[in-house]
Amino acid sequence: MENNYSVEEILSAIDDLQKIKKEKKITSVNNTPKTENSIIPKDTLKLIEEAEKNKS
């Protein structure tokens, strides 16, 4: 089962996949529950923020 695809078709498919990936990322960020910062101690928040920065 051999399929021959043009370069244009392959690039178009890659574009479509990247758009889908971006859409999923946006919806996952929008769906994250927001926590009230006053409940979490400031020192803990600083540690979490530092960990998130180092994660990237």
PDB file of N, CA and C in Angstrom:
ATOM      1  N   MET A   1       0.861  -1.183   0.000  1.00  0.00           N
ATOM      2  CA  MET A   1       0.000   0.000   0.000  1.00  0.00           C
ATOM      3  C   MET A   1       0.901   1.238   0.000  1.00  0.00           C
ATOM      4  N   GLU A   2       1.193   1.695  -1.157  1.00  0.00           N
ATOM      5  CA  GLU A   2       2.081   2.837  -1.301  1.00  0.00           C
ATOM      6  C   GLU A   2       1.289   4.030  -1.809  1.00  0.00           C
ATOM      7  N   ASN A   3       1.416   5.141  -1.094  1.00  0.00           N
ATOM      8  CA  ASN A   3       0.724   6.366  -1.495  1.00  0.00           C
ATOM      9  C   ASN A   3       1.753   7.416  -1.879  1.00  0.00           C
ATOM     10  N   ASN A   4       1.481   8.100  -2.950  1.00  0.00           N
ATOM     11  CA  ASN A   4       2.350   9.186  -3.376  1.00  0.00           C
ATOM     12  C   ASN A   4       1.638  10.504  -3.123  1.00  0.00           C
ATOM     13  N   TYR A   5       2.287  11.376  -2.347  1.00  0.00           N
ATOM     14  CA  TYR A   5       1.714  12.675  -2.025  1.00  0.00           C
ATOM     15  C   TYR A   5       2.650  13.767  -2.522  1.00  0.00           C
ATOM     16  N   SER A   6       2.056  14.846  -2.954  1.00  0.00           N
ATOM     17  CA  SER A   6       2.878  15.971  -3.395  1.00  0.00           C
ATOM     18  C   SER A   6       3.383  16.727  -2.172  1.00  0.00           C
ATOM     19  N   VAL A   7       4.396  17.537  -2.398  1.00  0.00           N
ATOM     20  CA  VAL A   7       4.950  18.353  -1.315  1.00  0.00           C
ATOM     21  C   VAL A   7       3.879  19.287  -0.785  1.00  0.00           C
ATOM     22  N   GLU A   8       3.065  19.835  -1.669  1.00  0.00           N
ATOM     23  CA  GLU A   8       1.995  20.750  -1.264  1.00  0.00           C
ATOM     24  C   GLU A   8       1.000  20.062  -0.333  1.00  0.00           C
ATOM     25  N   GLU A   9       0.640  18.833  -0.637  1.00  0.00           N
ATOM     26  CA  GLU A   9      -0.302  18.087   0.201  1.00  0.00           C
ATOM     27  C   GLU A   9       0.284  17.808   1.580  1.00  0.00           C
ATOM     28  N   ILE A  10       1.548  17.465   1.609  1.00  0.00           N
ATOM     29  CA  ILE A  10       2.205  17.180   2.887  1.00  0.00           C
ATOM     30  C   ILE A  10       2.291  18.440   3.735  1.00  0.00           C
ATOM     31  N   LEU A  11       2.692  19.554   3.131  1.00  0.00           N
ATOM     32  CA  LEU A  11       2.782  20.816   3.873  1.00  0.00           C
ATOM     33  C   LEU A  11       1.415  21.270   4.357  1.00  0.00           C
ATOM     34  N   SER A  12       0.399  21.060   3.563  1.00  0.00           N
ATOM     35  CA  SER A  12      -0.963  21.417   3.957  1.00  0.00           C
ATOM     36  C   SER A  12      -1.413  20.580   5.155  1.00  0.00           C
ATOM     37  N   ALA A  13      -1.101  19.296   5.130  1.00  0.00           N
ATOM     38  CA  ALA A  13      -1.461  18.416   6.238  1.00  0.00           C
ATOM     39  C   ALA A  13      -0.743  18.830   7.519  1.00  0.00           C
ATOM     40  N   ILE A  14       0.528  19.185   7.403  1.00  0.00           N
ATOM     41  CA  ILE A  14       1.295  19.639   8.569  1.00  0.00           C
ATOM     42  C   ILE A  14       0.678  20.913   9.132  1.00  0.00           C
ATOM     43  N   ASP A  15       0.307  21.825   8.253  1.00  0.00           N
ATOM     44  CA  ASP A  15      -0.354  23.068   8.678  1.00  0.00           C
ATOM     45  C   ASP A  15      -1.623  22.773   9.458  1.00  0.00           C
ATOM     46  N   ASP A  16      -2.437  21.862   8.932  1.00  0.00           N
ATOM     47  CA  ASP A  16      -3.688  21.494   9.596  1.00  0.00           C
ATOM     48  C   ASP A  16      -3.427  20.921  10.977  1.00  0.00           C
ATOM     49  N   LEU A  17      -2.427  20.051  11.086  1.00  0.00           N
ATOM     50  CA  LEU A  17      -2.102  19.451  12.380  1.00  0.00           C
ATOM     51  C   LEU A  17      -1.632  20.496  13.386  1.00  0.00           C
ATOM     52  N   GLN A  18      -0.849  21.457  12.938  1.00  0.00           N
ATOM     53  CA  GLN A  18      -0.369  22.500  13.837  1.00  0.00           C
ATOM     54  C   GLN A  18      -1.518  23.375  14.319  1.00  0.00           C
ATOM     55  N   LYS A  19      -2.481  23.651  13.450  1.00  0.00           N
ATOM     56  CA  LYS A  19      -3.645  24.448  13.851  1.00  0.00           C
ATOM     57  C   LYS A  19      -4.455  23.709  14.895  1.00  0.00           C
ATOM     58  N   ILE A  20      -4.638  22.407  14.705  1.00  0.00           N
ATOM     59  CA  ILE A  20      -5.396  21.603  15.668  1.00  0.00           C
ATOM     60  C   ILE A  20      -4.677  21.612  17.016  1.00  0.00           C
ATOM     61  N   LYS A  21      -3.352  21.467  16.990  1.00  0.00           N
ATOM     62  CA  LYS A  21      -2.566  21.458  18.218  1.00  0.00           C
ATOM     63  C   LYS A  21      -2.726  22.776  18.975  1.00  0.00           C
ATOM     64  N   LYS A  22      -2.688  23.909  18.246  1.00  0.00           N
ATOM     65  CA  LYS A  22      -2.830  25.216  18.873  1.00  0.00           C
ATOM     66  C   LYS A  22      -4.209  25.374  19.486  1.00  0.00           C
ATOM     67  N   GLU A  23      -5.246  24.913  18.777  1.00  0.00           N
ATOM     68  CA  GLU A  23      -6.609  25.019  19.287  1.00  0.00           C
ATOM     69  C   GLU A  23      -6.766  24.221  20.573  1.00  0.00           C
ATOM     70  N   LYS A  24      -6.197  23.024  20.614  1.00  0.00           N
ATOM     71  CA  LYS A  24      -6.287  22.199  21.821  1.00  0.00           C
ATOM     72  C   LYS A  24      -5.570  22.870  22.979  1.00  0.00           C
ATOM     73  N   LYS A  25      -4.422  23.473  22.690  1.00  0.00           N
ATOM     74  CA  LYS A  25      -3.645  24.136  23.736  1.00  0.00           C
ATOM     75  C   LYS A  25      -4.430  25.315  24.306  1.00  0.00           C
ATOM     76  N   ILE A  26      -5.057  26.092  23.448  1.00  0.00           N
ATOM     77  CA  ILE A  26      -5.834  27.248  23.891  1.00  0.00           C
ATOM     78  C   ILE A  26      -7.002  26.807  24.758  1.00  0.00           C
ATOM     79  N   THR A  27      -7.726  25.774  24.355  1.00  0.00           N
ATOM     80  CA  THR A  27      -8.873  25.331  25.139  1.00  0.00           C
ATOM     81  C   THR A  27      -8.430  24.737  26.465  1.00  0.00           C
ATOM     82  N   SER A  28      -7.286  24.057  26.494  1.00  0.00           N
ATOM     83  CA  SER A  28      -6.837  23.480  27.756  1.00  0.00           C
ATOM     84  C   SER A  28      -6.430  24.578  28.736  1.00  0.00           C
ATOM     85  N   VAL A  29      -5.861  25.667  28.244  1.00  0.00           N
ATOM     86  CA  VAL A  29      -5.491  26.779  29.112  1.00  0.00           C
ATOM     87  C   VAL A  29      -6.750  27.471  29.627  1.00  0.00           C
ATOM     88  N   ASN A  30      -7.745  27.631  28.795  1.00  0.00           N
ATOM     89  CA  ASN A  30      -8.977  28.290  29.204  1.00  0.00           C
ATOM     90  C   ASN A  30      -9.775  27.456  30.198  1.00  0.00           C
ATOM     91  N   ASN A  31      -9.617  26.141  30.188  1.00  0.00           N
ATOM     92  CA  ASN A  31     -10.389  25.267  31.059  1.00  0.00           C
ATOM     93  C   ASN A  31      -9.740  25.019  32.416  1.00  0.00           C
ATOM     94  N   THR A  32      -8.548  25.551  32.640  1.00  0.00           N
ATOM     95  CA  THR A  32      -7.901  25.324  33.921  1.00  0.00           C
ATOM     96  C   THR A  32      -8.626  26.105  35.015  1.00  0.00           C
ATOM     97  N   PRO A  33      -8.879  25.444  36.118  1.00  0.00           N
ATOM     98  CA  PRO A  33      -9.598  26.133  37.198  1.00  0.00           C
ATOM     99  C   PRO A  33      -8.726  27.213  37.829  1.00  0.00           C
ATOM    100  N   LYS A  34      -9.341  28.305  38.162  1.00  0.00           N
ATOM    101  CA  LYS A  34      -8.607  29.403  38.797  1.00  0.00           C
ATOM    102  C   LYS A  34      -8.701  29.244  40.310  1.00  0.00           C
ATOM    103  N   THR A  35      -7.556  29.351  40.956  1.00  0.00           N
ATOM    104  CA  THR A  35      -7.545  29.250  42.405  1.00  0.00           C
ATOM    105  C   THR A  35      -7.406  30.640  42.995  1.00  0.00           C
ATOM    106  N   GLU A  36      -7.922  30.777  44.160  1.00  0.00           N
ATOM    107  CA  GLU A  36      -7.836  32.059  44.838  1.00  0.00           C
ATOM    108  C   GLU A  36      -6.474  32.147  45.518  1.00  0.00           C
ATOM    109  N   ASN A  37      -5.691  33.152  45.161  1.00  0.00           N
ATOM    110  CA  ASN A  37      -4.324  33.269  45.658  1.00  0.00           C
ATOM    111  C   ASN A  37      -4.245  33.548  47.156  1.00  0.00           C
ATOM    112  N   SER A  38      -5.292  34.091  47.736  1.00  0.00           N
ATOM    113  CA  SER A  38      -5.241  34.419  49.154  1.00  0.00           C
ATOM    114  C   SER A  38      -5.210  33.159  50.023  1.00  0.00           C
ATOM    115  N   ILE A  39      -5.632  32.032  49.478  1.00  0.00           N
ATOM    116  CA  ILE A  39      -5.640  30.786  50.238  1.00  0.00           C
ATOM    117  C   ILE A  39      -4.223  30.201  50.310  1.00  0.00           C
ATOM    118  N   ILE A  40      -3.435  30.400  49.261  1.00  0.00           N
ATOM    119  CA  ILE A  40      -2.096  29.827  49.178  1.00  0.00           C
ATOM    120  C   ILE A  40      -1.080  30.822  49.751  1.00  0.00           C
ATOM    121  N   PRO A  41      -0.221  30.373  50.650  1.00  0.00           N
ATOM    122  CA  PRO A  41       0.802  31.278  51.208  1.00  0.00           C
ATOM    123  C   PRO A  41       1.713  31.835  50.114  1.00  0.00           C
ATOM    124  N   LYS A  42       2.197  33.073  50.315  1.00  0.00           N
ATOM    125  CA  LYS A  42       3.020  33.741  49.313  1.00  0.00           C
ATOM    126  C   LYS A  42       4.297  32.964  49.001  1.00  0.00           C
ATOM    127  N   ASP A  43       4.920  32.385  50.013  1.00  0.00           N
ATOM    128  CA  ASP A  43       6.151  31.626  49.788  1.00  0.00           C
ATOM    129  C   ASP A  43       5.897  30.433  48.875  1.00  0.00           C
ATOM    130  N   THR A  44       4.761  29.776  49.071  1.00  0.00           N
ATOM    131  CA  THR A  44       4.409  28.637  48.232  1.00  0.00           C
ATOM    132  C   THR A  44       4.175  29.085  46.800  1.00  0.00           C
ATOM    133  N   LEU A  45       3.512  30.226  46.627  1.00  0.00           N
ATOM    134  CA  LEU A  45       3.274  30.750  45.287  1.00  0.00           C
ATOM    135  C   LEU A  45       4.587  31.043  44.574  1.00  0.00           C
ATOM    136  N   LYS A  46       5.543  31.617  45.308  1.00  0.00           N
ATOM    137  CA  LYS A  46       6.853  31.915  44.708  1.00  0.00           C
ATOM    138  C   LYS A  46       7.542  30.633  44.254  1.00  0.00           C
ATOM    139  N   LEU A  47       7.476  29.587  45.071  1.00  0.00           N
ATOM    140  CA  LEU A  47       8.101  28.317  44.705  1.00  0.00           C
ATOM    141  C   LEU A  47       7.438  27.716  43.464  1.00  0.00           C
ATOM    142  N   ILE A  48       6.123  27.801  43.395  1.00  0.00           N
ATOM    143  CA  ILE A  48       5.391  27.279  42.242  1.00  0.00           C
ATOM    144  C   ILE A  48       5.766  28.055  40.981  1.00  0.00           C
ATOM    145  N   GLU A  49       5.816  29.371  41.086  1.00  0.00           N
ATOM    146  CA  GLU A  49       6.163  30.197  39.926  1.00  0.00           C
ATOM    147  C   GLU A  49       7.582  29.899  39.445  1.00  0.00           C
ATOM    148  N   GLU A  50       8.520  29.734  40.371  1.00  0.00           N
ATOM    149  CA  GLU A  50       9.894  29.410  39.999  1.00  0.00           C
ATOM    150  C   GLU A  50       9.961  28.041  39.313  1.00  0.00           C
ATOM    151  N   ALA A  51       9.206  27.094  39.828  1.00  0.00           N
ATOM    152  CA  ALA A  51       9.201  25.756  39.232  1.00  0.00           C
ATOM    153  C   ALA A  51       8.635  25.803  37.820  1.00  0.00           C
ATOM    154  N   GLU A  52       7.586  26.598  37.615  1.00  0.00           N
ATOM    155  CA  GLU A  52       6.991  26.710  36.290  1.00  0.00           C
ATOM    156  C   GLU A  52       7.954  27.377  35.307  1.00  0.00           C
ATOM    157  N   LYS A  53       8.702  28.375  35.775  1.00  0.00           N
ATOM    158  CA  LYS A  53       9.682  29.032  34.912  1.00  0.00           C
ATOM    159  C   LYS A  53      10.789  28.057  34.515  1.00  0.00           C
ATOM    160  N   ASN A  54      11.252  27.274  35.476  1.00  0.00           N
ATOM    161  CA  ASN A  54      12.329  26.320  35.211  1.00  0.00           C
ATOM    162  C   ASN A  54      11.859  25.161  34.337  1.00  0.00           C
ATOM    163  N   LYS A  55      10.564  24.872  34.384  1.00  0.00           N
ATOM    164  CA  LYS A  55       9.985  23.790  33.597  1.00  0.00           C
ATOM    165  C   LYS A  55      10.050  24.101  32.112  1.00  0.00           C
ATOM    166  N   SER A  56       9.884  25.363  31.750  1.00  0.00           N
ATOM    167  CA  SER A  56       9.854  25.754  30.333  1.00  0.00           C
ATOM    168  C   SER A  56      11.194  25.773  29.682  1.00  0.00           C
TER     169      SER A  56
END
